[in-house]
Amino acid sequence: MGKIIKDTIHANGIDIGIYTQDFENEFISLTDIARYKSDDPTAVIQNWMRNSDVIEFLGLWKDFIIQILNPSNSRGLENKQERMHLQCHQKNG
């Protein structure tokens, strides 16, 4: 894995981190953006993740990704996700 390079953009007085390894796939920091709304960015992100539009988008994204993968392997992937979820739930619950 290559070194992660960070750059920063400035918007409305907020520094927002941009991260990349290959200069083709860049990621922006949602935490930095959430700090614009509140001093507690965790609460802001939790509220975003509960939003019905975000949940619908994540469902569509999952379906899209599974179709890109080999369809014969998609059921195995879903089974693996279910097992991982159960393992995490058992550890935390």
C-alpha atoms as a PDB file:
ATOM      1  CA  MET A   1       0.000   0.000   0.000  1.00  0.00           C
ATOM      2  CA  GLY A   2       1.371   3.389  -1.011  1.00  0.00           C
ATOM      3  CA  LYS A   3       1.866   6.403   1.164  1.00  0.00           C
ATOM      4  CA  ILE A   4      -1.278   8.438   1.744  1.00  0.00           C
ATOM      5  CA  ILE A   5      -0.842  12.039   0.678  1.00  0.00           C
ATOM      6  CA  LYS A   6      -2.932  14.768   2.262  1.00  0.00           C
ATOM      7  CA  ASP A   7      -3.831  18.092   0.727  1.00  0.00           C
ATOM      8  CA  THR A   8      -6.145  20.722   2.131  1.00  0.00           C
ATOM      9  CA  ILE A   9      -8.792  22.923   0.589  1.00  0.00           C
ATOM     10  CA  HIS A  10     -10.209  25.954   2.356  1.00  0.00           C
ATOM     11  CA  ALA A  11     -13.948  26.668   2.197  1.00  0.00           C
ATOM     12  CA  ASN A  12     -15.826  29.210   4.316  1.00  0.00           C
ATOM     13  CA  GLY A  13     -12.881  29.406   6.702  1.00  0.00           C
ATOM     14  CA  ILE A  14     -12.820  25.619   7.235  1.00  0.00           C
ATOM     15  CA  ASP A  15      -9.837  23.428   6.332  1.00  0.00           C
ATOM     16  CA  ILE A  16     -11.012  20.241   4.593  1.00  0.00           C
ATOM     17  CA  GLY A  17      -8.563  17.377   4.169  1.00  0.00           C
ATOM     18  CA  ILE A  18      -8.241  15.597   0.832  1.00  0.00           C
ATOM     19  CA  TYR A  19      -6.487  12.229   0.866  1.00  0.00           C
ATOM     20  CA  THR A  20      -5.090  10.149  -1.998  1.00  0.00           C
ATOM     21  CA  GLN A  21      -2.624   7.380  -2.727  1.00  0.00           C
ATOM     22  CA  ASP A  22      -2.625   7.388  -6.510  1.00  0.00           C
ATOM     23  CA  PHE A  23      -3.861  10.877  -7.524  1.00  0.00           C
ATOM     24  CA  GLU A  24      -6.840   9.228  -9.268  1.00  0.00           C
ATOM     25  CA  ASN A  25      -8.987   8.266  -6.291  1.00  0.00           C
ATOM     26  CA  GLU A  26      -9.307  11.133  -3.852  1.00  0.00           C
ATOM     27  CA  PHE A  27     -11.288  11.192  -0.635  1.00  0.00           C
ATOM     28  CA  ILE A  28     -12.455  14.210   1.318  1.00  0.00           C
ATOM     29  CA  SER A  29     -12.804  14.195   5.075  1.00  0.00           C
ATOM     30  CA  LEU A  30     -16.451  14.179   6.132  1.00  0.00           C
ATOM     31  CA  THR A  31     -15.288  14.859   9.674  1.00  0.00           C
ATOM     32  CA  ASP A  32     -13.718  18.133   8.584  1.00  0.00           C
ATOM     33  CA  ILE A  33     -16.934  19.139   6.797  1.00  0.00           C
ATOM     34  CA  ALA A  34     -19.024  18.148   9.837  1.00  0.00           C
ATOM     35  CA  ARG A  35     -16.918  20.460  12.027  1.00  0.00           C
ATOM     36  CA  TYR A  36     -18.488  23.358  10.106  1.00  0.00           C
ATOM     37  CA  LYS A  37     -21.879  22.424  11.624  1.00  0.00           C
ATOM     38  CA  SER A  38     -20.798  21.554  15.153  1.00  0.00           C
ATOM     39  CA  ASP A  39     -17.881  21.193  17.534  1.00  0.00           C
ATOM     40  CA  ASP A  40     -18.970  17.529  17.802  1.00  0.00           C
ATOM     41  CA  PRO A  41     -18.560  16.203  14.236  1.00  0.00           C
ATOM     42  CA  THR A  42     -19.406  12.660  15.354  1.00  0.00           C
ATOM     43  CA  ALA A  43     -22.995  13.651  16.150  1.00  0.00           C
ATOM     44  CA  VAL A  44     -23.355  15.405  12.790  1.00  0.00           C
ATOM     45  CA  ILE A  45     -22.131  12.336  10.884  1.00  0.00           C
ATOM     46  CA  GLN A  46     -24.434  10.066  12.902  1.00  0.00           C
ATOM     47  CA  ASN A  47     -27.381  12.274  11.928  1.00  0.00           C
ATOM     48  CA  TRP A  48     -26.313  12.183   8.260  1.00  0.00           C
ATOM     49  CA  MET A  49     -26.126   8.378   8.376  1.00  0.00           C
ATOM     50  CA  ARG A  50     -29.667   8.164   9.795  1.00  0.00           C
ATOM     51  CA  ASN A  51     -31.083  10.295   6.991  1.00  0.00           C
ATOM     52  CA  SER A  52     -33.422   8.252   4.766  1.00  0.00           C
ATOM     53  CA  ASP A  53     -31.808   9.643   1.596  1.00  0.00           C
ATOM     54  CA  VAL A  54     -28.382   8.440   2.734  1.00  0.00           C
ATOM     55  CA  ILE A  55     -29.742   4.999   3.651  1.00  0.00           C
ATOM     56  CA  GLU A  56     -31.437   4.734   0.252  1.00  0.00           C
ATOM     57  CA  PHE A  57     -28.219   5.816  -1.509  1.00  0.00           C
ATOM     58  CA  LEU A  58     -26.156   3.229   0.386  1.00  0.00           C
ATOM     59  CA  GLY A  59     -28.644   0.520  -0.599  1.00  0.00           C
ATOM     60  CA  LEU A  60     -28.432   1.531  -4.260  1.00  0.00           C
ATOM     61  CA  TRP A  61     -24.636   1.696  -4.039  1.00  0.00           C
ATOM     62  CA  LYS A  62     -24.520  -1.826  -2.568  1.00  0.00           C
ATOM     63  CA  ASP A  63     -26.706  -3.151  -5.394  1.00  0.00           C
ATOM     64  CA  PHE A  64     -24.524  -1.387  -7.970  1.00  0.00           C
ATOM     65  CA  ILE A  65     -21.295  -2.794  -6.543  1.00  0.00           C
ATOM     66  CA  ILE A  66     -22.703  -6.328  -6.325  1.00  0.00           C
ATOM     67  CA  GLN A  67     -23.719  -6.172  -9.996  1.00  0.00           C
ATOM     68  CA  ILE A  68     -20.191  -5.101 -10.938  1.00  0.00           C
ATOM     69  CA  LEU A  69     -18.800  -8.103  -9.101  1.00  0.00           C
ATOM     70  CA  ASN A  70     -19.263 -11.571 -10.520  1.00  0.00           C
ATOM     71  CA  PRO A  71     -22.974 -12.307  -9.935  1.00  0.00           C
ATOM     72  CA  SER A  72     -22.194 -15.919  -8.971  1.00  0.00           C
ATOM     73  CA  ASN A  73     -20.072 -14.604  -6.088  1.00  0.00           C
ATOM     74  CA  SER A  74     -22.531 -11.970  -4.850  1.00  0.00           C
ATOM     75  CA  ARG A  75     -24.505 -14.380  -2.635  1.00  0.00           C
ATOM     76  CA  GLY A  76     -21.277 -15.519  -1.003  1.00  0.00           C
ATOM     77  CA  LEU A  77     -20.383 -11.872  -0.345  1.00  0.00           C
ATOM     78  CA  GLU A  78     -23.759 -11.225   1.284  1.00  0.00           C
ATOM     79  CA  ASN A  79     -23.369 -14.342   3.466  1.00  0.00           C
ATOM     80  CA  LYS A  80     -19.915 -13.139   4.541  1.00  0.00           C
ATOM     81  CA  GLN A  81     -21.334  -9.694   5.406  1.00  0.00           C
ATOM     82  CA  GLU A  82     -24.103 -11.315   7.477  1.00  0.00           C
ATOM     83  CA  ARG A  83     -21.568 -13.453   9.375  1.00  0.00           C
ATOM     84  CA  MET A  84     -19.347 -10.432  10.014  1.00  0.00           C
ATOM     85  CA  HIS A  85     -22.343  -8.410  11.255  1.00  0.00           C
ATOM     86  CA  LEU A  86     -23.351 -11.211  13.628  1.00  0.00           C
ATOM     87  CA  GLN A  87     -19.786 -11.522  14.938  1.00  0.00           C
ATOM     88  CA  CYS A  88     -19.567  -7.771  15.591  1.00  0.00           C
ATOM     89  CA  HIS A  89     -22.995  -7.777  17.229  1.00  0.00           C
ATOM     90  CA  GLN A  90     -22.070 -10.689  19.500  1.00  0.00           C
ATOM     91  CA  LYS A  91     -18.839  -8.970  20.588  1.00  0.00           C
ATOM     92  CA  ASN A  92     -20.602  -5.682  21.321  1.00  0.00           C
ATOM     93  CA  GLY A  93     -23.899  -6.986  22.584  1.00  0.00           C
END
